[in-house]
Protein backbone atom coordinates (compact mmCIF):
# COMPACT_ATOMS: atom_id res chain seq x y z
CA MET A 1 -140.82 -34.70 139.89
CA ARG A 2 -140.78 -38.47 139.92
CA THR A 3 -137.05 -38.55 139.23
CA ALA A 4 -136.28 -36.03 141.97
CA VAL A 5 -138.42 -37.92 144.48
CA GLU A 6 -136.76 -41.22 143.57
CA LEU A 7 -133.36 -39.68 144.23
CA ALA A 8 -134.49 -38.30 147.59
CA ASP A 9 -136.17 -41.55 148.64
CA ALA A 10 -133.03 -43.51 147.83
CA ASP A 11 -130.30 -41.23 149.18
CA GLY A 12 -131.86 -38.23 150.93
CA LEU A 13 -132.11 -34.59 149.93
CA GLU A 14 -128.34 -34.38 149.51
CA ALA A 15 -128.68 -36.56 146.42
CA VAL A 16 -131.11 -34.16 144.75
CA SER A 17 -129.57 -31.64 142.37
CA MET A 18 -130.51 -30.20 139.04
CA ALA A 19 -127.41 -31.82 137.53
CA LYS A 20 -128.32 -35.31 138.74
CA ILE A 21 -131.93 -34.97 137.66
CA ALA A 22 -130.86 -33.75 134.24
CA GLU A 23 -128.41 -36.62 133.90
CA ARG A 24 -131.12 -39.16 134.67
CA LEU A 25 -133.50 -37.59 132.18
CA GLY A 26 -130.91 -37.12 129.46
CA PHE A 27 -131.06 -33.31 129.47
CA THR A 28 -128.76 -30.50 130.51
CA ALA A 29 -129.12 -28.85 133.90
CA MET A 30 -129.70 -25.48 132.23
CA SER A 31 -132.66 -26.87 130.32
CA LEU A 32 -134.36 -27.77 133.61
CA TYR A 33 -134.13 -24.19 134.84
CA ARG A 34 -136.64 -23.27 132.14
CA HIS A 35 -139.21 -25.19 134.19
CA VAL A 36 -137.92 -24.82 137.78
CA LYS A 37 -136.28 -21.57 138.83
CA SER A 38 -134.34 -22.77 141.88
CA LYS A 39 -133.60 -25.67 144.22
CA ASP A 40 -136.08 -24.24 146.72
CA ASP A 41 -138.83 -24.29 144.11
CA LEU A 42 -137.87 -27.84 143.23
CA LEU A 43 -138.22 -28.94 146.86
CA LEU A 44 -141.67 -27.36 147.11
CA LEU A 45 -142.79 -29.11 143.95
CA MET A 46 -141.42 -32.43 145.21
CA LEU A 47 -143.24 -31.96 148.50
CA ASP A 48 -146.52 -31.20 146.80
CA TRP A 49 -146.07 -34.13 144.37
CA VAL A 50 -145.74 -36.73 147.15
CA ALA A 51 -148.47 -35.12 149.24
CA ALA A 52 -151.34 -36.08 146.98
CA VAL A 53 -154.41 -36.30 149.21
CA PRO A 54 -155.78 -39.86 149.50
CA PRO A 55 -159.48 -40.19 148.55
CA ALA A 56 -160.15 -41.88 151.90
CA LEU A 57 -159.56 -38.55 153.60
CA ASP A 58 -162.90 -37.36 152.22
CA GLU A 59 -164.84 -40.28 153.67
CA PRO A 60 -167.06 -39.58 156.71
CA HIS A 61 -165.85 -40.47 160.19
CA ALA A 62 -167.67 -41.18 163.41
CA ASP A 63 -166.66 -37.87 165.00
CA TRP A 64 -163.96 -35.19 164.94
CA ARG A 65 -161.58 -37.30 167.02
CA ALA A 66 -161.78 -40.32 164.74
CA GLY A 67 -161.36 -38.04 161.75
CA LEU A 68 -158.24 -36.37 163.11
CA ARG A 69 -156.75 -39.72 164.12
CA PHE A 70 -157.18 -40.92 160.55
CA TRP A 71 -155.75 -37.65 159.20
CA CYS A 72 -152.70 -38.08 161.42
CA GLN A 73 -152.29 -41.72 160.41
CA GLU A 74 -152.24 -40.74 156.74
CA GLN A 75 -149.79 -37.92 157.44
CA TRP A 76 -147.55 -40.29 159.41
CA GLU A 77 -147.47 -42.82 156.60
CA LEU A 78 -146.51 -40.05 154.17
CA LEU A 79 -143.69 -38.84 156.40
CA ARG A 80 -142.37 -42.34 156.97
CA ALA A 81 -142.54 -43.20 153.27
CA HIS A 82 -140.50 -40.09 152.39
CA PRO A 83 -138.22 -39.31 155.38
CA TRP A 84 -136.52 -36.47 153.49
CA ILE A 85 -139.65 -34.36 153.92
CA VAL A 86 -138.71 -33.47 157.49
CA HIS A 87 -135.37 -32.06 156.33
CA ILE A 88 -136.85 -29.54 153.90
CA PRO A 89 -136.25 -26.04 155.36
CA ILE A 90 -139.48 -24.47 156.60
CA THR A 91 -139.68 -20.97 155.16
CA GLY A 92 -143.35 -20.30 155.78
CA PRO A 93 -146.82 -21.82 156.03
CA PRO A 94 -147.88 -24.41 153.44
CA VAL A 95 -149.09 -22.82 150.22
CA THR A 96 -148.97 -25.64 147.66
CA PRO A 97 -152.31 -27.07 146.45
CA ASN A 98 -152.03 -30.50 148.07
CA HIS A 99 -150.88 -29.13 151.41
CA LEU A 100 -153.71 -26.61 151.43
CA THR A 101 -156.07 -29.53 150.81
CA TRP A 102 -154.63 -31.47 153.78
CA THR A 103 -155.16 -28.41 155.98
CA ASP A 104 -158.68 -27.90 154.66
CA ARG A 105 -159.67 -31.51 155.41
CA ALA A 106 -158.35 -31.34 158.97
CA LEU A 107 -160.19 -28.08 159.62
CA GLY A 108 -163.34 -29.62 158.18
CA MET A 109 -163.15 -32.47 160.69
CA LEU A 110 -163.49 -29.87 163.44
CA GLY A 111 -166.40 -28.20 161.70
CA GLU A 112 -169.14 -29.59 163.97
CA THR A 113 -167.34 -28.53 167.16
CA ARG A 114 -167.84 -25.20 168.89
CA LEU A 115 -164.24 -24.18 168.43
CA SER A 116 -163.53 -20.82 166.86
CA GLU A 117 -161.81 -20.76 163.49
CA ARG A 118 -158.64 -19.60 165.24
CA ASP A 119 -158.88 -22.55 167.66
CA LYS A 120 -159.30 -24.97 164.77
CA VAL A 121 -156.24 -23.62 162.99
CA GLY A 122 -154.27 -23.86 166.23
CA VAL A 123 -155.25 -27.51 166.66
CA VAL A 124 -154.28 -28.44 163.10
CA LEU A 125 -150.93 -26.65 163.33
CA LEU A 126 -150.23 -28.37 166.65
CA LEU A 127 -150.95 -31.81 165.17
CA ALA A 128 -148.86 -31.14 162.07
CA SER A 129 -145.97 -29.86 164.19
CA TYR A 130 -146.10 -32.88 166.49
CA LEU A 131 -146.08 -35.34 163.61
CA HIS A 132 -143.29 -33.50 161.82
CA THR A 133 -141.10 -33.36 164.94
CA THR A 134 -141.74 -37.00 165.80
CA ALA A 135 -141.05 -38.15 162.25
CA ARG A 136 -137.79 -36.19 162.21
CA PHE A 137 -136.73 -37.79 165.49
CA THR A 138 -137.50 -41.20 164.03
CA ALA A 139 -135.64 -40.48 160.79
CA GLU A 140 -132.52 -39.15 162.54
CA ARG A 141 -132.49 -41.97 165.06
CA GLY A 142 -132.28 -44.49 162.25
CA PRO A 143 -133.87 -47.96 162.07
CA THR A 144 -134.99 -49.41 165.37
CA THR A 145 -133.60 -52.79 166.26
CA GLN A 146 -133.73 -54.85 169.38
CA ALA A 147 -129.93 -54.78 169.49
CA ALA A 148 -130.05 -51.00 169.69
CA ARG A 149 -132.72 -50.74 172.37
CA VAL A 150 -131.80 -53.52 174.79
CA PRO A 151 -128.24 -52.28 175.50
CA TYR A 152 -129.61 -48.80 176.32
CA SER A 153 -132.02 -50.28 178.83
CA ALA A 154 -129.19 -52.33 180.33
CA LEU A 155 -126.92 -49.26 180.35
CA LEU A 156 -129.49 -47.26 182.27
CA GLY A 157 -129.78 -50.12 184.73
CA ASP A 158 -126.06 -49.80 185.44
CA LEU A 159 -125.84 -46.01 185.51
CA VAL A 160 -129.03 -44.90 187.23
CA GLU A 161 -128.62 -44.85 191.00
CA ALA A 162 -131.79 -44.85 193.07
CA ASP A 163 -130.58 -42.22 195.53
CA ARG A 164 -129.55 -39.78 192.79
CA PHE A 165 -132.27 -40.48 190.18
CA PRO A 166 -135.18 -41.99 192.13
CA ALA A 167 -137.90 -41.33 189.55
CA LEU A 168 -135.74 -42.53 186.65
CA ARG A 169 -134.71 -45.62 188.61
CA ALA A 170 -138.36 -46.46 189.22
CA ALA A 171 -139.03 -46.21 185.46
CA VAL A 172 -136.05 -48.42 184.65
CA ASP A 173 -137.08 -51.03 187.20
CA ALA A 174 -140.64 -51.00 185.82
CA GLY A 175 -139.29 -51.87 182.36
CA ALA A 176 -140.34 -48.55 180.80
CA PHE A 177 -137.20 -48.50 178.65
CA ASP A 178 -137.31 -52.17 177.69
CA TYR A 179 -137.75 -53.05 174.04
CA ALA A 180 -141.18 -54.35 173.07
CA SER A 181 -141.28 -58.13 172.89
CA SER A 182 -143.28 -58.08 169.65
CA LYS A 183 -141.38 -58.71 166.43
CA ASP A 184 -143.97 -56.95 164.32
CA LYS A 185 -142.30 -54.22 162.26
CA ALA A 186 -144.96 -51.62 163.02
CA GLU A 187 -144.54 -52.15 166.75
CA ARG A 188 -140.76 -51.92 166.50
CA GLU A 189 -141.01 -48.44 165.05
CA PHE A 190 -141.46 -45.34 167.17
CA ASP A 191 -145.07 -45.03 168.25
CA TYR A 192 -146.56 -41.54 167.92
CA SER A 193 -149.97 -42.60 169.23
CA PHE A 194 -149.38 -41.85 172.93
CA GLY A 195 -148.56 -38.21 172.29
CA LEU A 196 -151.37 -37.91 169.77
CA ALA A 197 -153.90 -39.26 172.25
CA ARG A 198 -152.77 -36.69 174.85
CA ILE A 199 -153.10 -33.87 172.31
CA LEU A 200 -156.61 -35.01 171.35
CA ASP A 201 -157.51 -35.23 175.05
CA GLY A 202 -156.51 -31.58 175.31
CA VAL A 203 -158.59 -30.68 172.26
CA GLU A 204 -161.56 -32.48 173.77
CA ALA A 205 -161.16 -30.45 176.97
CA LEU A 206 -160.96 -27.26 174.92
CA ILE A 207 -164.15 -28.15 173.05
CA ALA A 208 -165.88 -28.74 176.38
CA GLN A 209 -164.77 -25.30 177.57
CA ARG A 210 -166.14 -23.68 174.45
CA SER A 211 -169.50 -25.45 174.72
CA PRO A 212 -172.38 -23.58 176.41
């Protein structure tokens, strides 16, 4: 699995093939099929291999919200470390051991709430879907640079007319599309925290509704 993951990390899923893996390992491609039946099985094994659950996920948190924020942070770091994950075709719910463990830990963080088991599953699937979609957007957009963001803001300033796009013009004039002044790498990357906070606000409202 390490060889397959190294190929994917370096050049994307397109670089992963039984032939290339066999070449790196000094075997024939046919010999690998004795251990992995198909490319789809290989991708699942790769996904489970990189998704080893960090021990910190089992540490106690202040409350369900802090726990889920930490869970999402760890998921985000995994997705950003291996961008090819978001391009693996989704053929069904997660069934590999490590992914089942991730799901179990997230559900456990909601254990003290009054949400039903169905509600808890819905929350975890919503969070996972949001992170996956956001990570895919980030991966397909490519690296963020000030040179890429500033011209877009300037372009909007030239194209957006106040009489035709009043709300968009107000956002442009307020600097909503301007690139962050910070040069810190983490702040230059797409920030998923705003959307996450809104989702958790919704979960908090749902918990309040379910409380007596």
